[in-house]
PDB file of N, CA and C in Angstrom:
ATOM      1  N   MET A   1     121.209 169.726 111.792  1.00  0.00           N
ATOM      2  CA  MET A   1     120.793 170.861 111.013  1.00  0.00           C
ATOM      3  C   MET A   1     119.754 171.661 111.773  1.00  0.00           C
ATOM      4  N   ALA A   2     119.430 172.784 111.213  1.00  0.00           N
ATOM      5  CA  ALA A   2     118.471 173.661 111.873  1.00  0.00           C
ATOM      6  C   ALA A   2     117.053 173.242 111.537  1.00  0.00           C
ATOM      7  N   LYS A   3     116.199 173.358 112.540  1.00  0.00           N
ATOM      8  CA  LYS A   3     114.793 173.057 112.322  1.00  0.00           C
ATOM      9  C   LYS A   3     114.105 174.276 111.735  1.00  0.00           C
ATOM     10  N   SER A   4     113.226 174.037 110.887  1.00  0.00           N
ATOM     11  CA  SER A   4     112.478 175.120 110.281  1.00  0.00           C
ATOM     12  C   SER A   4     111.169 175.268 111.032  1.00  0.00           C
ATOM     13  N   ASN A   5     111.021 176.339 111.741  1.00  0.00           N
ATOM     14  CA  ASN A   5     109.805 176.603 112.493  1.00  0.00           C
ATOM     15  C   ASN A   5     109.036 177.722 111.799  1.00  0.00           C
ATOM     16  N   LYS A   6     108.096 177.333 110.959  1.00  0.00           N
ATOM     17  CA  LYS A   6     107.289 178.344 110.297  1.00  0.00           C
ATOM     18  C   LYS A   6     106.269 178.867 111.286  1.00  0.00           C
ATOM     19  N   GLY A   7     106.181 180.167 111.333  1.00  0.00           N
ATOM     20  CA  GLY A   7     105.197 180.770 112.206  1.00  0.00           C
ATOM     21  C   GLY A   7     105.766 181.124 113.575  1.00  0.00           C
ATOM     22  N   SER A   8     106.974 180.655 113.936  1.00  0.00           N
ATOM     23  CA  SER A   8     107.537 181.029 115.240  1.00  0.00           C
ATOM     24  C   SER A   8     108.527 182.170 115.053  1.00  0.00           C
ATOM     25  N   ASN A   9     108.718 182.936 116.087  1.00  0.00           N
ATOM     26  CA  ASN A   9     109.604 184.099 116.029  1.00  0.00           C
ATOM     27  C   ASN A   9     111.013 183.779 116.523  1.00  0.00           C
ATOM     28  N   GLN A  10     111.337 182.522 116.694  1.00  0.00           N
ATOM     29  CA  GLN A  10     112.662 182.149 117.165  1.00  0.00           C
ATOM     30  C   GLN A  10     113.649 182.208 116.004  1.00  0.00           C
ATOM     31  N   PRO A  11     114.889 182.699 116.275  1.00  0.00           N
ATOM     32  CA  PRO A  11     115.878 182.759 115.193  1.00  0.00           C
ATOM     33  C   PRO A  11     116.347 181.370 114.800  1.00  0.00           C
ATOM     34  N   LYS A  12     116.726 181.243 113.563  1.00  0.00           N
ATOM     35  CA  LYS A  12     117.219 179.967 113.061  1.00  0.00           C
ATOM     36  C   LYS A  12     118.672 179.799 113.480  1.00  0.00           C
ATOM     37  N   THR A  13     119.065 178.600 113.846  1.00  0.00           N
ATOM     38  CA  THR A  13     120.454 178.318 114.220  1.00  0.00           C
ATOM     39  C   THR A  13     121.103 177.526 113.107  1.00  0.00           C
ATOM     40  N   VAL A  14     122.284 177.949 112.740  1.00  0.00           N
ATOM     41  CA  VAL A  14     123.033 177.298 111.682  1.00  0.00           C
ATOM     42  C   VAL A  14     124.393 176.933 112.231  1.00  0.00           C
ATOM     43  N   GLN A  15     124.833 175.706 112.015  1.00  0.00           N
ATOM     44  CA  GLN A  15     126.142 175.281 112.492  1.00  0.00           C
ATOM     45  C   GLN A  15     127.200 175.602 111.441  1.00  0.00           C
ATOM     46  N   ALA A  16     128.336 176.092 111.933  1.00  0.00           N
ATOM     47  CA  ALA A  16     129.446 176.387 111.032  1.00  0.00           C
ATOM     48  C   ALA A  16     130.178 175.096 110.692  1.00  0.00           C
ATOM     49  N   PRO A  17     130.739 175.026 109.486  1.00  0.00           N
ATOM     50  CA  PRO A  17     131.482 173.807 109.124  1.00  0.00           C
ATOM     51  C   PRO A  17     132.739 173.708 109.980  1.00  0.00           C
ATOM     52  N   PRO A  18     133.204 172.506 110.291  1.00  0.00           N
ATOM     53  CA  PRO A  18     134.406 172.350 111.128  1.00  0.00           C
ATOM     54  C   PRO A  18     135.643 172.874 110.402  1.00  0.00           C
ATOM     55  N   VAL A  19     136.528 173.498 111.170  1.00  0.00           N
ATOM     56  CA  VAL A  19     137.763 174.053 110.624  1.00  0.00           C
ATOM     57  C   VAL A  19     138.838 172.979 110.683  1.00  0.00           C
ATOM     58  N   GLN A  20     139.507 172.766 109.563  1.00  0.00           N
ATOM     59  CA  GLN A  20     140.556 171.761 109.523  1.00  0.00           C
ATOM     60  C   GLN A  20     141.887 172.426 109.814  1.00  0.00           C
ATOM     61  N   ALA A  21     142.654 171.807 110.681  1.00  0.00           N
ATOM     62  CA  ALA A  21     143.973 172.331 111.023  1.00  0.00           C
ATOM     63  C   ALA A  21     144.950 171.998 109.903  1.00  0.00           C
ATOM     64  N   THR A  22     145.751 172.978 109.529  1.00  0.00           N
ATOM     65  CA  THR A  22     146.760 172.757 108.501  1.00  0.00           C
ATOM     66  C   THR A  22     148.129 172.753 109.150  1.00  0.00           C
ATOM     67  N   ALA A  23     148.984 171.932 108.684  1.00  0.00           N
ATOM     68  CA  ALA A  23     150.330 171.827 109.235  1.00  0.00           C
ATOM     69  C   ALA A  23     151.220 172.898 108.607  1.00  0.00           C
ATOM     70  N   SER A  24     152.106 173.461 109.424  1.00  0.00           N
ATOM     71  CA  SER A  24     153.033 174.455 108.897  1.00  0.00           C
ATOM     72  C   SER A  24     154.151 173.745 108.147  1.00  0.00           C
ATOM     73  N   LYS A  25     154.988 174.516 107.475  1.00  0.00           N
ATOM     74  CA  LYS A  25     156.098 173.942 106.709  1.00  0.00           C
ATOM     75  C   LYS A  25     157.062 173.183 107.612  1.00  0.00           C
ATOM     76  N   ALA A  26     157.301 173.720 108.826  1.00  0.00           N
ATOM     77  CA  ALA A  26     158.224 173.058 109.746  1.00  0.00           C
ATOM     78  C   ALA A  26     157.655 171.725 110.212  1.00  0.00           C
ATOM     79  N   GLN A  27     156.342 171.672 110.444  1.00  0.00           N
ATOM     80  CA  GLN A  27     155.732 170.427 110.885  1.00  0.00           C
ATOM     81  C   GLN A  27     155.676 169.423 109.741  1.00  0.00           C
ATOM     82  N   ALA A  28     155.515 169.878 108.509  1.00  0.00           N
ATOM     83  CA  ALA A  28     155.463 168.983 107.360  1.00  0.00           C
ATOM     84  C   ALA A  28     156.806 168.308 107.137  1.00  0.00           C
ATOM     85  N   LYS A  29     157.912 168.999 107.461  1.00  0.00           N
ATOM     86  CA  LYS A  29     159.247 168.445 107.268  1.00  0.00           C
ATOM     87  C   LYS A  29     159.753 167.742 108.530  1.00  0.00           C
ATOM     88  N   ASN A  30     158.897 167.606 109.536  1.00  0.00           N
ATOM     89  CA  ASN A  30     159.251 166.999 110.816  1.00  0.00           C
ATOM     90  C   ASN A  30     160.398 167.726 111.504  1.00  0.00           C
ATOM     91  N   GLU A  31     160.458 169.042 111.348  1.00  0.00           N
ATOM     92  CA  GLU A  31     161.455 169.852 112.039  1.00  0.00           C
ATOM     93  C   GLU A  31     160.813 170.434 113.293  1.00  0.00           C
ATOM     94  N   PRO A  32     161.633 170.683 114.321  1.00  0.00           N
ATOM     95  CA  PRO A  32     161.059 171.299 115.523  1.00  0.00           C
ATOM     96  C   PRO A  32     160.609 172.726 115.232  1.00  0.00           C
ATOM     97  N   VAL A  33     159.499 173.103 115.810  1.00  0.00           N
ATOM     98  CA  VAL A  33     158.958 174.440 115.612  1.00  0.00           C
ATOM     99  C   VAL A  33     159.688 175.396 116.545  1.00  0.00           C
ATOM    100  N   LYS A  34     160.258 176.478 115.973  1.00  0.00           N
ATOM    101  CA  LYS A  34     160.970 177.469 116.775  1.00  0.00           C
ATOM    102  C   LYS A  34     159.976 178.512 117.255  1.00  0.00           C
ATOM    103  N   LYS A  35     159.945 178.718 118.560  1.00  0.00           N
ATOM    104  CA  LYS A  35     159.067 179.720 119.122  1.00  0.00           C
ATOM    105  C   LYS A  35     159.767 181.068 119.074  1.00  0.00           C
ATOM    106  N   PRO A  36     159.052 182.133 118.762  1.00  0.00           N
ATOM    107  CA  PRO A  36     159.691 183.460 118.740  1.00  0.00           C
ATOM    108  C   PRO A  36     160.111 183.864 120.149  1.00  0.00           C
ATOM    109  N   VAL A  37     161.261 184.509 120.230  1.00  0.00           N
ATOM    110  CA  VAL A  37     161.768 184.974 121.515  1.00  0.00           C
ATOM    111  C   VAL A  37     161.006 186.237 121.883  1.00  0.00           C
ATOM    112  N   SER A  38     160.405 186.228 123.043  1.00  0.00           N
ATOM    113  CA  SER A  38     159.650 187.398 123.469  1.00  0.00           C
ATOM    114  C   SER A  38     160.393 188.117 124.578  1.00  0.00           C
ATOM    115  N   LYS A  39     160.318 189.435 124.535  1.00  0.00           N
ATOM    116  CA  LYS A  39     160.935 190.256 125.570  1.00  0.00           C
ATOM    117  C   LYS A  39     159.961 190.378 126.732  1.00  0.00           C
ATOM    118  N   PRO A  40     160.463 190.517 127.945  1.00  0.00           N
ATOM    119  CA  PRO A  40     159.553 190.728 129.069  1.00  0.00           C
ATOM    120  C   PRO A  40     158.771 192.027 128.878  1.00  0.00           C
ATOM    121  N   ALA A  41     157.515 191.996 129.191  1.00  0.00           N
ATOM    122  CA  ALA A  41     156.662 193.171 128.997  1.00  0.00           C
ATOM    123  C   ALA A  41     157.107 194.304 129.902  1.00  0.00           C
ATOM    124  N   GLY A  42     157.228 195.502 129.332  1.00  0.00           N
ATOM    125  CA  GLY A  42     157.550 196.677 130.124  1.00  0.00           C
ATOM    126  C   GLY A  42     159.032 196.908 130.353  1.00  0.00           C
ATOM    127  N   LYS A  43     159.879 196.027 129.892  1.00  0.00           N
ATOM    128  CA  LYS A  43     161.312 196.215 130.101  1.00  0.00           C
ATOM    129  C   LYS A  43     161.973 196.589 128.778  1.00  0.00           C
ATOM    130  N   LEU A  44     162.760 197.629 128.820  1.00  0.00           N
ATOM    131  CA  LEU A  44     163.489 198.078 127.654  1.00  0.00           C
ATOM    132  C   LEU A  44     164.906 197.526 127.752  1.00  0.00           C
ATOM    133  N   VAL A  45     165.318 196.779 126.755  1.00  0.00           N
ATOM    134  CA  VAL A  45     166.640 196.176 126.777  1.00  0.00           C
ATOM    135  C   VAL A  45     167.577 197.053 125.956  1.00  0.00           C
ATOM    136  N   ILE A  46     168.582 197.625 126.624  1.00  0.00           N
ATOM    137  CA  ILE A  46     169.572 198.469 125.957  1.00  0.00           C
ATOM    138  C   ILE A  46     170.902 197.722 125.989  1.00  0.00           C
ATOM    139  N   PRO A  47     171.557 197.573 124.850  1.00  0.00           N
ATOM    140  CA  PRO A  47     172.843 196.897 124.852  1.00  0.00           C
ATOM    141  C   PRO A  47     173.839 197.587 125.773  1.00  0.00           C
ATOM    142  N   LYS A  48     174.724 196.798 126.350  1.00  0.00           N
ATOM    143  CA  LYS A  48     175.698 197.337 127.291  1.00  0.00           C
ATOM    144  C   LYS A  48     176.629 198.313 126.579  1.00  0.00           C
ATOM    145  N   GLY A  49     176.825 199.478 127.189  1.00  0.00           N
ATOM    146  CA  GLY A  49     177.724 200.478 126.628  1.00  0.00           C
ATOM    147  C   GLY A  49     177.066 201.434 125.656  1.00  0.00           C
ATOM    148  N   VAL A  50     175.761 201.271 125.401  1.00  0.00           N
ATOM    149  CA  VAL A  50     175.054 202.150 124.480  1.00  0.00           C
ATOM    150  C   VAL A  50     174.087 203.002 125.294  1.00  0.00           C
ATOM    151  N   TYR A  51     174.215 204.326 125.182  1.00  0.00           N
ATOM    152  CA  TYR A  51     173.359 205.249 125.913  1.00  0.00           C
ATOM    153  C   TYR A  51     172.600 206.131 124.935  1.00  0.00           C
ATOM    154  N   GLN A  52     171.452 206.583 125.374  1.00  0.00           N
ATOM    155  CA  GLN A  52     170.663 207.469 124.537  1.00  0.00           C
ATOM    156  C   GLN A  52     171.246 208.875 124.508  1.00  0.00           C
ATOM    157  N   PHE A  53     171.926 209.263 125.595  1.00  0.00           N
ATOM    158  CA  PHE A  53     172.530 210.583 125.685  1.00  0.00           C
ATOM    159  C   PHE A  53     174.038 210.462 125.587  1.00  0.00           C
ATOM    160  N   GLY A  54     174.647 211.458 124.964  1.00  0.00           N
ATOM    161  CA  GLY A  54     176.097 211.512 124.879  1.00  0.00           C
ATOM    162  C   GLY A  54     176.689 212.285 126.047  1.00  0.00           C
ATOM    163  N   LYS A  55     178.001 212.451 126.024  1.00  0.00           N
ATOM    164  CA  LYS A  55     178.695 213.154 127.103  1.00  0.00           C
ATOM    165  C   LYS A  55     178.234 214.601 127.199  1.00  0.00           C
ATOM    166  N   MET A  56     178.041 215.238 126.057  1.00  0.00           N
ATOM    167  CA  MET A  56     177.646 216.640 126.053  1.00  0.00           C
ATOM    168  C   MET A  56     176.232 216.810 126.640  1.00  0.00           C
ATOM    169  N   ASN A  57     175.331 215.839 126.399  1.00  0.00           N
ATOM    170  CA  ASN A  57     173.993 215.899 126.978  1.00  0.00           C
ATOM    171  C   ASN A  57     174.064 215.919 128.501  1.00  0.00           C
ATOM    172  N   PHE A  58     174.930 215.084 129.080  1.00  0.00           N
ATOM    173  CA  PHE A  58     175.048 215.027 130.531  1.00  0.00           C
ATOM    174  C   PHE A  58     175.668 216.308 131.084  1.00  0.00           C
ATOM    175  N   ILE A  59     176.615 216.879 130.374  1.00  0.00           N
ATOM    176  CA  ILE A  59     177.220 218.141 130.831  1.00  0.00           C
ATOM    177  C   ILE A  59     176.168 219.246 130.858  1.00  0.00           C
ATOM    178  N   ILE A  60     175.383 219.351 129.782  1.00  0.00           N
ATOM    179  CA  ILE A  60     174.329 220.365 129.727  1.00  0.00           C
ATOM    180  C   ILE A  60     173.285 220.105 130.817  1.00  0.00           C
ATOM    181  N   MET A  61     172.987 218.832 131.065  1.00  0.00           N
ATOM    182  CA  MET A  61     172.008 218.487 132.087  1.00  0.00           C
ATOM    183  C   MET A  61     172.472 218.910 133.478  1.00  0.00           C
ATOM    184  N   PHE A  62     173.748 218.679 133.795  1.00  0.00           N
ATOM    185  CA  PHE A  62     174.262 219.076 135.105  1.00  0.00           C
ATOM    186  C   PHE A  62     174.316 220.597 135.249  1.00  0.00           C
ATOM    187  N   VAL A  63     174.603 221.304 134.159  1.00  0.00           N
ATOM    188  CA  VAL A  63     174.560 222.769 134.195  1.00  0.00           C
ATOM    189  C   VAL A  63     173.130 223.225 134.483  1.00  0.00           C
ATOM    190  N   GLY A  64     172.144 222.577 133.873  1.00  0.00           N
ATOM    191  CA  GLY A  64     170.742 222.910 134.132  1.00  0.00           C
ATOM    192  C   GLY A  64     170.362 222.669 135.582  1.00  0.00           C
ATOM    193  N   PHE A  65     170.850 221.559 136.167  1.00  0.00           N
ATOM    194  CA  PHE A  65     170.571 221.289 137.581  1.00  0.00           C
ATOM    195  C   PHE A  65     171.202 222.356 138.472  1.00  0.00           C
ATOM    196  N   ALA A  66     172.401 222.791 138.118  1.00  0.00           N
ATOM    197  CA  ALA A  66     173.067 223.843 138.902  1.00  0.00           C
ATOM    198  C   ALA A  66     172.280 225.149 138.827  1.00  0.00           C
ATOM    199  N   VAL A  67     171.804 225.503 137.638  1.00  0.00           N
ATOM    200  CA  VAL A  67     171.017 226.733 137.477  1.00  0.00           C
ATOM    201  C   VAL A  67     169.710 226.625 138.271  1.00  0.00           C
ATOM    202  N   LEU A  68     169.074 225.457 138.259  1.00  0.00           N
ATOM    203  CA  LEU A  68     167.864 225.263 139.058  1.00  0.00           C
ATOM    204  C   LEU A  68     168.165 225.428 140.550  1.00  0.00           C
ATOM    205  N   GLY A  69     169.262 224.870 141.004  1.00  0.00           N
ATOM    206  CA  GLY A  69     169.650 225.007 142.407  1.00  0.00           C
ATOM    207  C   GLY A  69     169.889 226.450 142.796  1.00  0.00           C
ATOM    208  N   ILE A  70     170.550 227.205 141.918  1.00  0.00           N
ATOM    209  CA  ILE A  70     170.782 228.631 142.184  1.00  0.00           C
ATOM    210  C   ILE A  70     169.450 229.380 142.254  1.00  0.00           C
ATOM    211  N   GLY A  71     168.521 229.045 141.367  1.00  0.00           N
ATOM    212  CA  GLY A  71     167.212 229.702 141.373  1.00  0.00           C
ATOM    213  C   GLY A  71     166.445 229.439 142.655  1.00  0.00           C
ATOM    214  N   PHE A  72     166.465 228.193 143.124  1.00  0.00           N
ATOM    215  CA  PHE A  72     165.760 227.884 144.370  1.00  0.00           C
ATOM    216  C   PHE A  72     166.467 228.517 145.568  1.00  0.00           C
ATOM    217  N   ALA A  73     167.789 228.610 145.532  1.00  0.00           N
ATOM    218  CA  ALA A  73     168.515 229.278 146.616  1.00  0.00           C
ATOM    219  C   ALA A  73     168.190 230.770 146.648  1.00  0.00           C
ATOM    220  N   LEU A  74     168.031 231.390 145.472  1.00  0.00           N
ATOM    221  CA  LEU A  74     167.657 232.801 145.431  1.00  0.00           C
ATOM    222  C   LEU A  74     166.260 233.034 146.004  1.00  0.00           C
ATOM    223  N   MET A  75     165.393 232.051 145.871  1.00  0.00           N
ATOM    224  CA  MET A  75     164.028 232.195 146.353  1.00  0.00           C
ATOM    225  C   MET A  75     163.934 231.968 147.864  1.00  0.00           C
ATOM    226  N   ALA A  76     164.882 231.305 148.453  1.00  0.00           N
ATOM    227  CA  ALA A  76     164.822 230.947 149.875  1.00  0.00           C
ATOM    228  C   ALA A  76     165.052 232.167 150.752  1.00  0.00           C
ATOM    229  N   GLY A  77     164.665 232.022 152.017  1.00  0.00           N
ATOM    230  CA  GLY A  77     164.915 233.066 153.000  1.00  0.00           C
ATOM    231  C   GLY A  77     163.702 233.913 153.270  1.00  0.00           C
ATOM    232  N   GLY A  78     163.900 234.966 154.074  1.00  0.00           N
ATOM    233  CA  GLY A  78     162.821 235.891 154.398  1.00  0.00           C
ATOM    234  C   GLY A  78     162.047 235.528 155.637  1.00  0.00           C
ATOM    235  N   ALA A  79     162.457 234.478 156.349  1.00  0.00           N
ATOM    236  CA  ALA A  79     161.738 234.078 157.557  1.00  0.00           C
ATOM    237  C   ALA A  79     162.218 234.896 158.753  1.00  0.00           C
ATOM    238  N   THR A  80     161.339 235.089 159.715  1.00  0.00           N
ATOM    239  CA  THR A  80     161.691 235.788 160.948  1.00  0.00           C
ATOM    240  C   THR A  80     161.421 234.879 162.137  1.00  0.00           C
ATOM    241  N   LYS A  81     162.071 235.160 163.238  1.00  0.00           N
ATOM    242  CA  LYS A  81     161.862 234.366 164.450  1.00  0.00           C
ATOM    243  C   LYS A  81     160.586 234.793 165.175  1.00  0.00           C
ATOM    244  N   ASP A  82     160.188 236.037 165.008  1.00  0.00           N
ATOM    245  CA  ASP A  82     158.990 236.555 165.652  1.00  0.00           C
ATOM    246  C   ASP A  82     157.817 236.479 164.671  1.00  0.00           C
ATOM    247  N   PRO A  83     156.756 235.717 164.983  1.00  0.00           N
ATOM    248  CA  PRO A  83     155.635 235.591 164.043  1.00  0.00           C
ATOM    249  C   PRO A  83     154.811 236.873 163.898  1.00  0.00           C
ATOM    250  N   ASN A  84     155.019 237.850 164.772  1.00  0.00           N
ATOM    251  CA  ASN A  84     154.256 239.102 164.683  1.00  0.00           C
ATOM    252  C   ASN A  84     154.879 240.089 163.710  1.00  0.00           C
ATOM    253  N   ILE A  85     156.074 239.814 163.242  1.00  0.00           N
ATOM    254  CA  ILE A  85     156.769 240.720 162.320  1.00  0.00           C
ATOM    255  C   ILE A  85     156.649 240.150 160.904  1.00  0.00           C
ATOM    256  N   PHE A  86     156.226 240.994 159.973  1.00  0.00           N
ATOM    257  CA  PHE A  86     156.095 240.593 158.564  1.00  0.00           C
ATOM    258  C   PHE A  86     156.995 241.486 157.721  1.00  0.00           C
ATOM    259  N   PRO A  87     158.185 240.949 157.323  1.00  0.00           N
ATOM    260  CA  PRO A  87     159.105 241.773 156.525  1.00  0.00           C
ATOM    261  C   PRO A  87     158.696 241.777 155.052  1.00  0.00           C
ATOM    262  N   ALA A  88     157.781 242.630 154.689  1.00  0.00           N
ATOM    263  CA  ALA A  88     157.251 242.673 153.327  1.00  0.00           C
ATOM    264  C   ALA A  88     158.319 243.022 152.301  1.00  0.00           C
ATOM    265  N   ASP A  89     159.239 243.927 152.660  1.00  0.00           N
ATOM    266  CA  ASP A  89     160.266 244.318 151.690  1.00  0.00           C
ATOM    267  C   ASP A  89     161.240 243.171 151.422  1.00  0.00           C
ATOM    268  N   GLU A  90     161.433 242.242 152.366  1.00  0.00           N
ATOM    269  CA  GLU A  90     162.287 241.072 152.115  1.00  0.00           C
ATOM    270  C   GLU A  90     161.550 240.011 151.306  1.00  0.00           C
ATOM    271  N   ILE A  91     160.310 239.744 151.678  1.00  0.00           N
ATOM    272  CA  ILE A  91     159.553 238.675 151.014  1.00  0.00           C
ATOM    273  C   ILE A  91     159.192 239.062 149.587  1.00  0.00           C
ATOM    274  N   TYR A  92     158.791 240.307 149.392  1.00  0.00           N
ATOM    275  CA  TYR A  92     158.378 240.749 148.062  1.00  0.00           C
ATOM    276  C   TYR A  92     159.498 241.497 147.346  1.00  0.00           C
ATOM    277  N   SER A  93     160.716 241.101 147.572  1.00  0.00           N
ATOM    278  CA  SER A  93     161.842 241.769 146.925  1.00  0.00           C
ATOM    279  C   SER A  93     161.967 241.321 145.470  1.00  0.00           C
ATOM    280  N   PHE A  94     162.714 242.088 144.691  1.00  0.00           N
ATOM    281  CA  PHE A  94     162.957 241.768 143.282  1.00  0.00           C
ATOM    282  C   PHE A  94     163.608 240.394 143.147  1.00  0.00           C
ATOM    283  N   ARG A  95     164.503 240.068 144.063  1.00  0.00           N
ATOM    284  CA  ARG A  95     165.233 238.798 144.000  1.00  0.00           C
ATOM    285  C   ARG A  95     164.282 237.612 144.096  1.00  0.00           C
ATOM    286  N   ARG A  96     163.312 237.650 145.007  1.00  0.00           N
ATOM    287  CA  ARG A  96     162.425 236.498 145.225  1.00  0.00           C
ATOM    288  C   ARG A  96     161.234 236.467 144.272  1.00  0.00           C
ATOM    289  N   ILE A  97     160.767 237.601 143.837  1.00  0.00           N
ATOM    290  CA  ILE A  97     159.560 237.645 143.013  1.00  0.00           C
ATOM    291  C   ILE A  97     159.872 237.595 141.519  1.00  0.00           C
ATOM    292  N   THR A  98     160.986 238.160 141.093  1.00  0.00           N
ATOM    293  CA  THR A  98     161.277 238.250 139.661  1.00  0.00           C
ATOM    294  C   THR A  98     162.501 237.445 139.253  1.00  0.00           C
ATOM    295  N   LEU A  99     163.611 237.674 139.927  1.00  0.00           N
ATOM    296  CA  LEU A  99     164.873 237.056 139.515  1.00  0.00           C
ATOM    297  C   LEU A  99     164.868 235.543 139.702  1.00  0.00           C
ATOM    298  N   ALA A 100     164.474 235.060 140.876  1.00  0.00           N
ATOM    299  CA  ALA A 100     164.513 233.621 141.159  1.00  0.00           C
ATOM    300  C   ALA A 100     163.611 232.815 140.212  1.00  0.00           C
ATOM    301  N   PRO A 101     162.355 233.205 139.976  1.00  0.00           N
ATOM    302  CA  PRO A 101     161.547 232.443 139.017  1.00  0.00           C
ATOM    303  C   PRO A 101     162.115 232.473 137.595  1.00  0.00           C
ATOM    304  N   ALA A 102     162.715 233.602 137.191  1.00  0.00           N
ATOM    305  CA  ALA A 102     163.321 233.668 135.854  1.00  0.00           C
ATOM    306  C   ALA A 102     164.508 232.711 135.754  1.00  0.00           C
ATOM    307  N   VAL A 103     165.305 232.616 136.820  1.00  0.00           N
ATOM    308  CA  VAL A 103     166.456 231.700 136.824  1.00  0.00           C
ATOM    309  C   VAL A 103     165.971 230.249 136.804  1.00  0.00           C
ATOM    310  N   ILE A 104     164.909 229.947 137.523  1.00  0.00           N
ATOM    311  CA  ILE A 104     164.363 228.585 137.535  1.00  0.00           C
ATOM    312  C   ILE A 104     163.815 228.210 136.157  1.00  0.00           C
ATOM    313  N   ILE A 105     163.103 229.112 135.512  1.00  0.00           N
ATOM    314  CA  ILE A 105     162.600 228.838 134.158  1.00  0.00           C
ATOM    315  C   ILE A 105     163.764 228.638 133.193  1.00  0.00           C
ATOM    316  N   ALA A 106     164.834 229.428 133.347  1.00  0.00           N
ATOM    317  CA  ALA A 106     166.025 229.237 132.502  1.00  0.00           C
ATOM    318  C   ALA A 106     166.633 227.864 132.745  1.00  0.00           C
ATOM    319  N   GLY A 107     166.626 227.403 133.998  1.00  0.00           N
ATOM    320  CA  GLY A 107     167.141 226.070 134.305  1.00  0.00           C
ATOM    321  C   GLY A 107     166.346 224.977 133.631  1.00  0.00           C
ATOM    322  N   PHE A 108     165.016 225.105 133.618  1.00  0.00           N
ATOM    323  CA  PHE A 108     164.179 224.113 132.931  1.00  0.00           C
ATOM    324  C   PHE A 108     164.390 224.154 131.419  1.00  0.00           C
ATOM    325  N   ILE A 109     164.599 225.326 130.863  1.00  0.00           N
ATOM    326  CA  ILE A 109     164.873 225.434 129.427  1.00  0.00           C
ATOM    327  C   ILE A 109     166.209 224.761 129.101  1.00  0.00           C
ATOM    328  N   ILE A 110     167.195 224.945 129.973  1.00  0.00           N
ATOM    329  CA  ILE A 110     168.495 224.280 129.773  1.00  0.00           C
ATOM    330  C   ILE A 110     168.315 222.762 129.826  1.00  0.00           C
ATOM    331  N   GLU A 111     167.458 222.273 130.711  1.00  0.00           N
ATOM    332  CA  GLU A 111     167.191 220.830 130.787  1.00  0.00           C
ATOM    333  C   GLU A 111     166.547 220.325 129.497  1.00  0.00           C
ATOM    334  N   LEU A 112     165.630 221.094 128.924  1.00  0.00           N
ATOM    335  CA  LEU A 112     165.031 220.689 127.644  1.00  0.00           C
ATOM    336  C   LEU A 112     166.076 220.658 126.538  1.00  0.00           C
ATOM    337  N   ILE A 113     166.964 221.630 126.545  1.00  0.00           N
ATOM    338  CA  ILE A 113     168.038 221.642 125.553  1.00  0.00           C
ATOM    339  C   ILE A 113     168.916 220.406 125.724  1.00  0.00           C
ATOM    340  N   ALA A 114     169.193 220.037 126.982  1.00  0.00           N
ATOM    341  CA  ALA A 114     170.023 218.854 127.244  1.00  0.00           C
ATOM    342  C   ALA A 114     169.362 217.584 126.728  1.00  0.00           C
ATOM    343  N   ILE A 115     168.041 217.506 126.826  1.00  0.00           N
ATOM    344  CA  ILE A 115     167.336 216.316 126.355  1.00  0.00           C
ATOM    345  C   ILE A 115     167.338 216.239 124.832  1.00  0.00           C
ATOM    346  N   PHE A 116     167.115 217.363 124.170  1.00  0.00           N
ATOM    347  CA  PHE A 116     166.984 217.349 122.711  1.00  0.00           C
ATOM    348  C   PHE A 116     168.290 217.559 121.961  1.00  0.00           C
ATOM    349  N   TYR A 117     169.366 217.846 122.664  1.00  0.00           N
ATOM    350  CA  TYR A 117     170.642 218.099 121.993  1.00  0.00           C
ATOM    351  C   TYR A 117     171.146 216.816 121.349  1.00  0.00           C
ATOM    352  N   LYS A 118     171.567 216.913 120.100  1.00  0.00           N
ATOM    353  CA  LYS A 118     172.115 215.760 119.388  1.00  0.00           C
ATOM    354  C   LYS A 118     173.480 216.145 118.849  1.00  0.00           C
ATOM    355  N   GLU A 119     174.469 215.344 119.198  1.00  0.00           N
ATOM    356  CA  GLU A 119     175.827 215.635 118.753  1.00  0.00           C
ATOM    357  C   GLU A 119     175.942 215.411 117.255  1.00  0.00           C
ATOM    358  N   LYS A 120     176.741 216.256 116.626  1.00  0.00           N
ATOM    359  CA  LYS A 120     176.956 216.131 115.187  1.00  0.00           C
ATOM    360  C   LYS A 120     177.898 214.960 114.950  1.00  0.00           C
ATOM    361  N   SER A 121     177.578 214.154 113.945  1.00  0.00           N
ATOM    362  CA  SER A 121     178.439 213.006 113.637  1.00  0.00           C
ATOM    363  C   SER A 121     179.622 213.478 112.793  1.00  0.00           C
ATOM    364  N   ASN A 122     180.760 212.824 112.980  1.00  0.00           N
ATOM    365  CA  ASN A 122     181.975 213.184 112.253  1.00  0.00           C
ATOM    366  C   ASN A 122     182.002 212.620 110.831  1.00  0.00           C
ATOM    367  N   SER A 123     181.269 211.547 110.604  1.00  0.00           N
ATOM    368  CA  SER A 123     181.297 210.945 109.269  1.00  0.00           C
ATOM    369  C   SER A 123     180.402 211.728 108.319  1.00  0.00           C
ATOM    370  N   GLN A 124     180.885 211.919 107.090  1.00  0.00           N
ATOM    371  CA  GLN A 124     180.141 212.640 106.083  1.00  0.00           C
ATOM    372  C   GLN A 124     179.844 211.685 104.937  1.00  0.00           C
ATOM    373  N   ALA A 125     178.687 211.832 104.338  1.00  0.00           N
ATOM    374  CA  ALA A 125     178.333 211.005 103.179  1.00  0.00           C
ATOM    375  C   ALA A 125     179.131 211.460 101.970  1.00  0.00           C
ATOM    376  N   GLU A 126     179.739 210.521 101.314  1.00  0.00           N
ATOM    377  CA  GLU A 126     180.565 210.880 100.137  1.00  0.00           C
ATOM    378  C   GLU A 126     179.880 210.493  98.863  1.00  0.00           C
TER     379      GLU A 126
END
């Protein structure tokens, strides 16, 4: 037990009562205890043949990649072999400054549509 020190500034120590272990229902019936099956941390298990995206999602996604490729191709070019020549009208053309970035942004928007697109189900609630 704790000592009572009158006049001292030391805190009193109190011991907690011992905790008694209780047997579970499986242990009371002498049955083996089943451990829960745990999944490996960080791994997502998807059943075989089940995908988060449907066929239409992949089609839209590939169209978005094609549009992105076209946008980057429109932005390319304008280089010269002579470093003393600066073709300002080629580099700052409408195609490279306005059209290509707009096409690239459209490609990213198509990619977002591909991610969020959900196919309509054929079954109807009756």
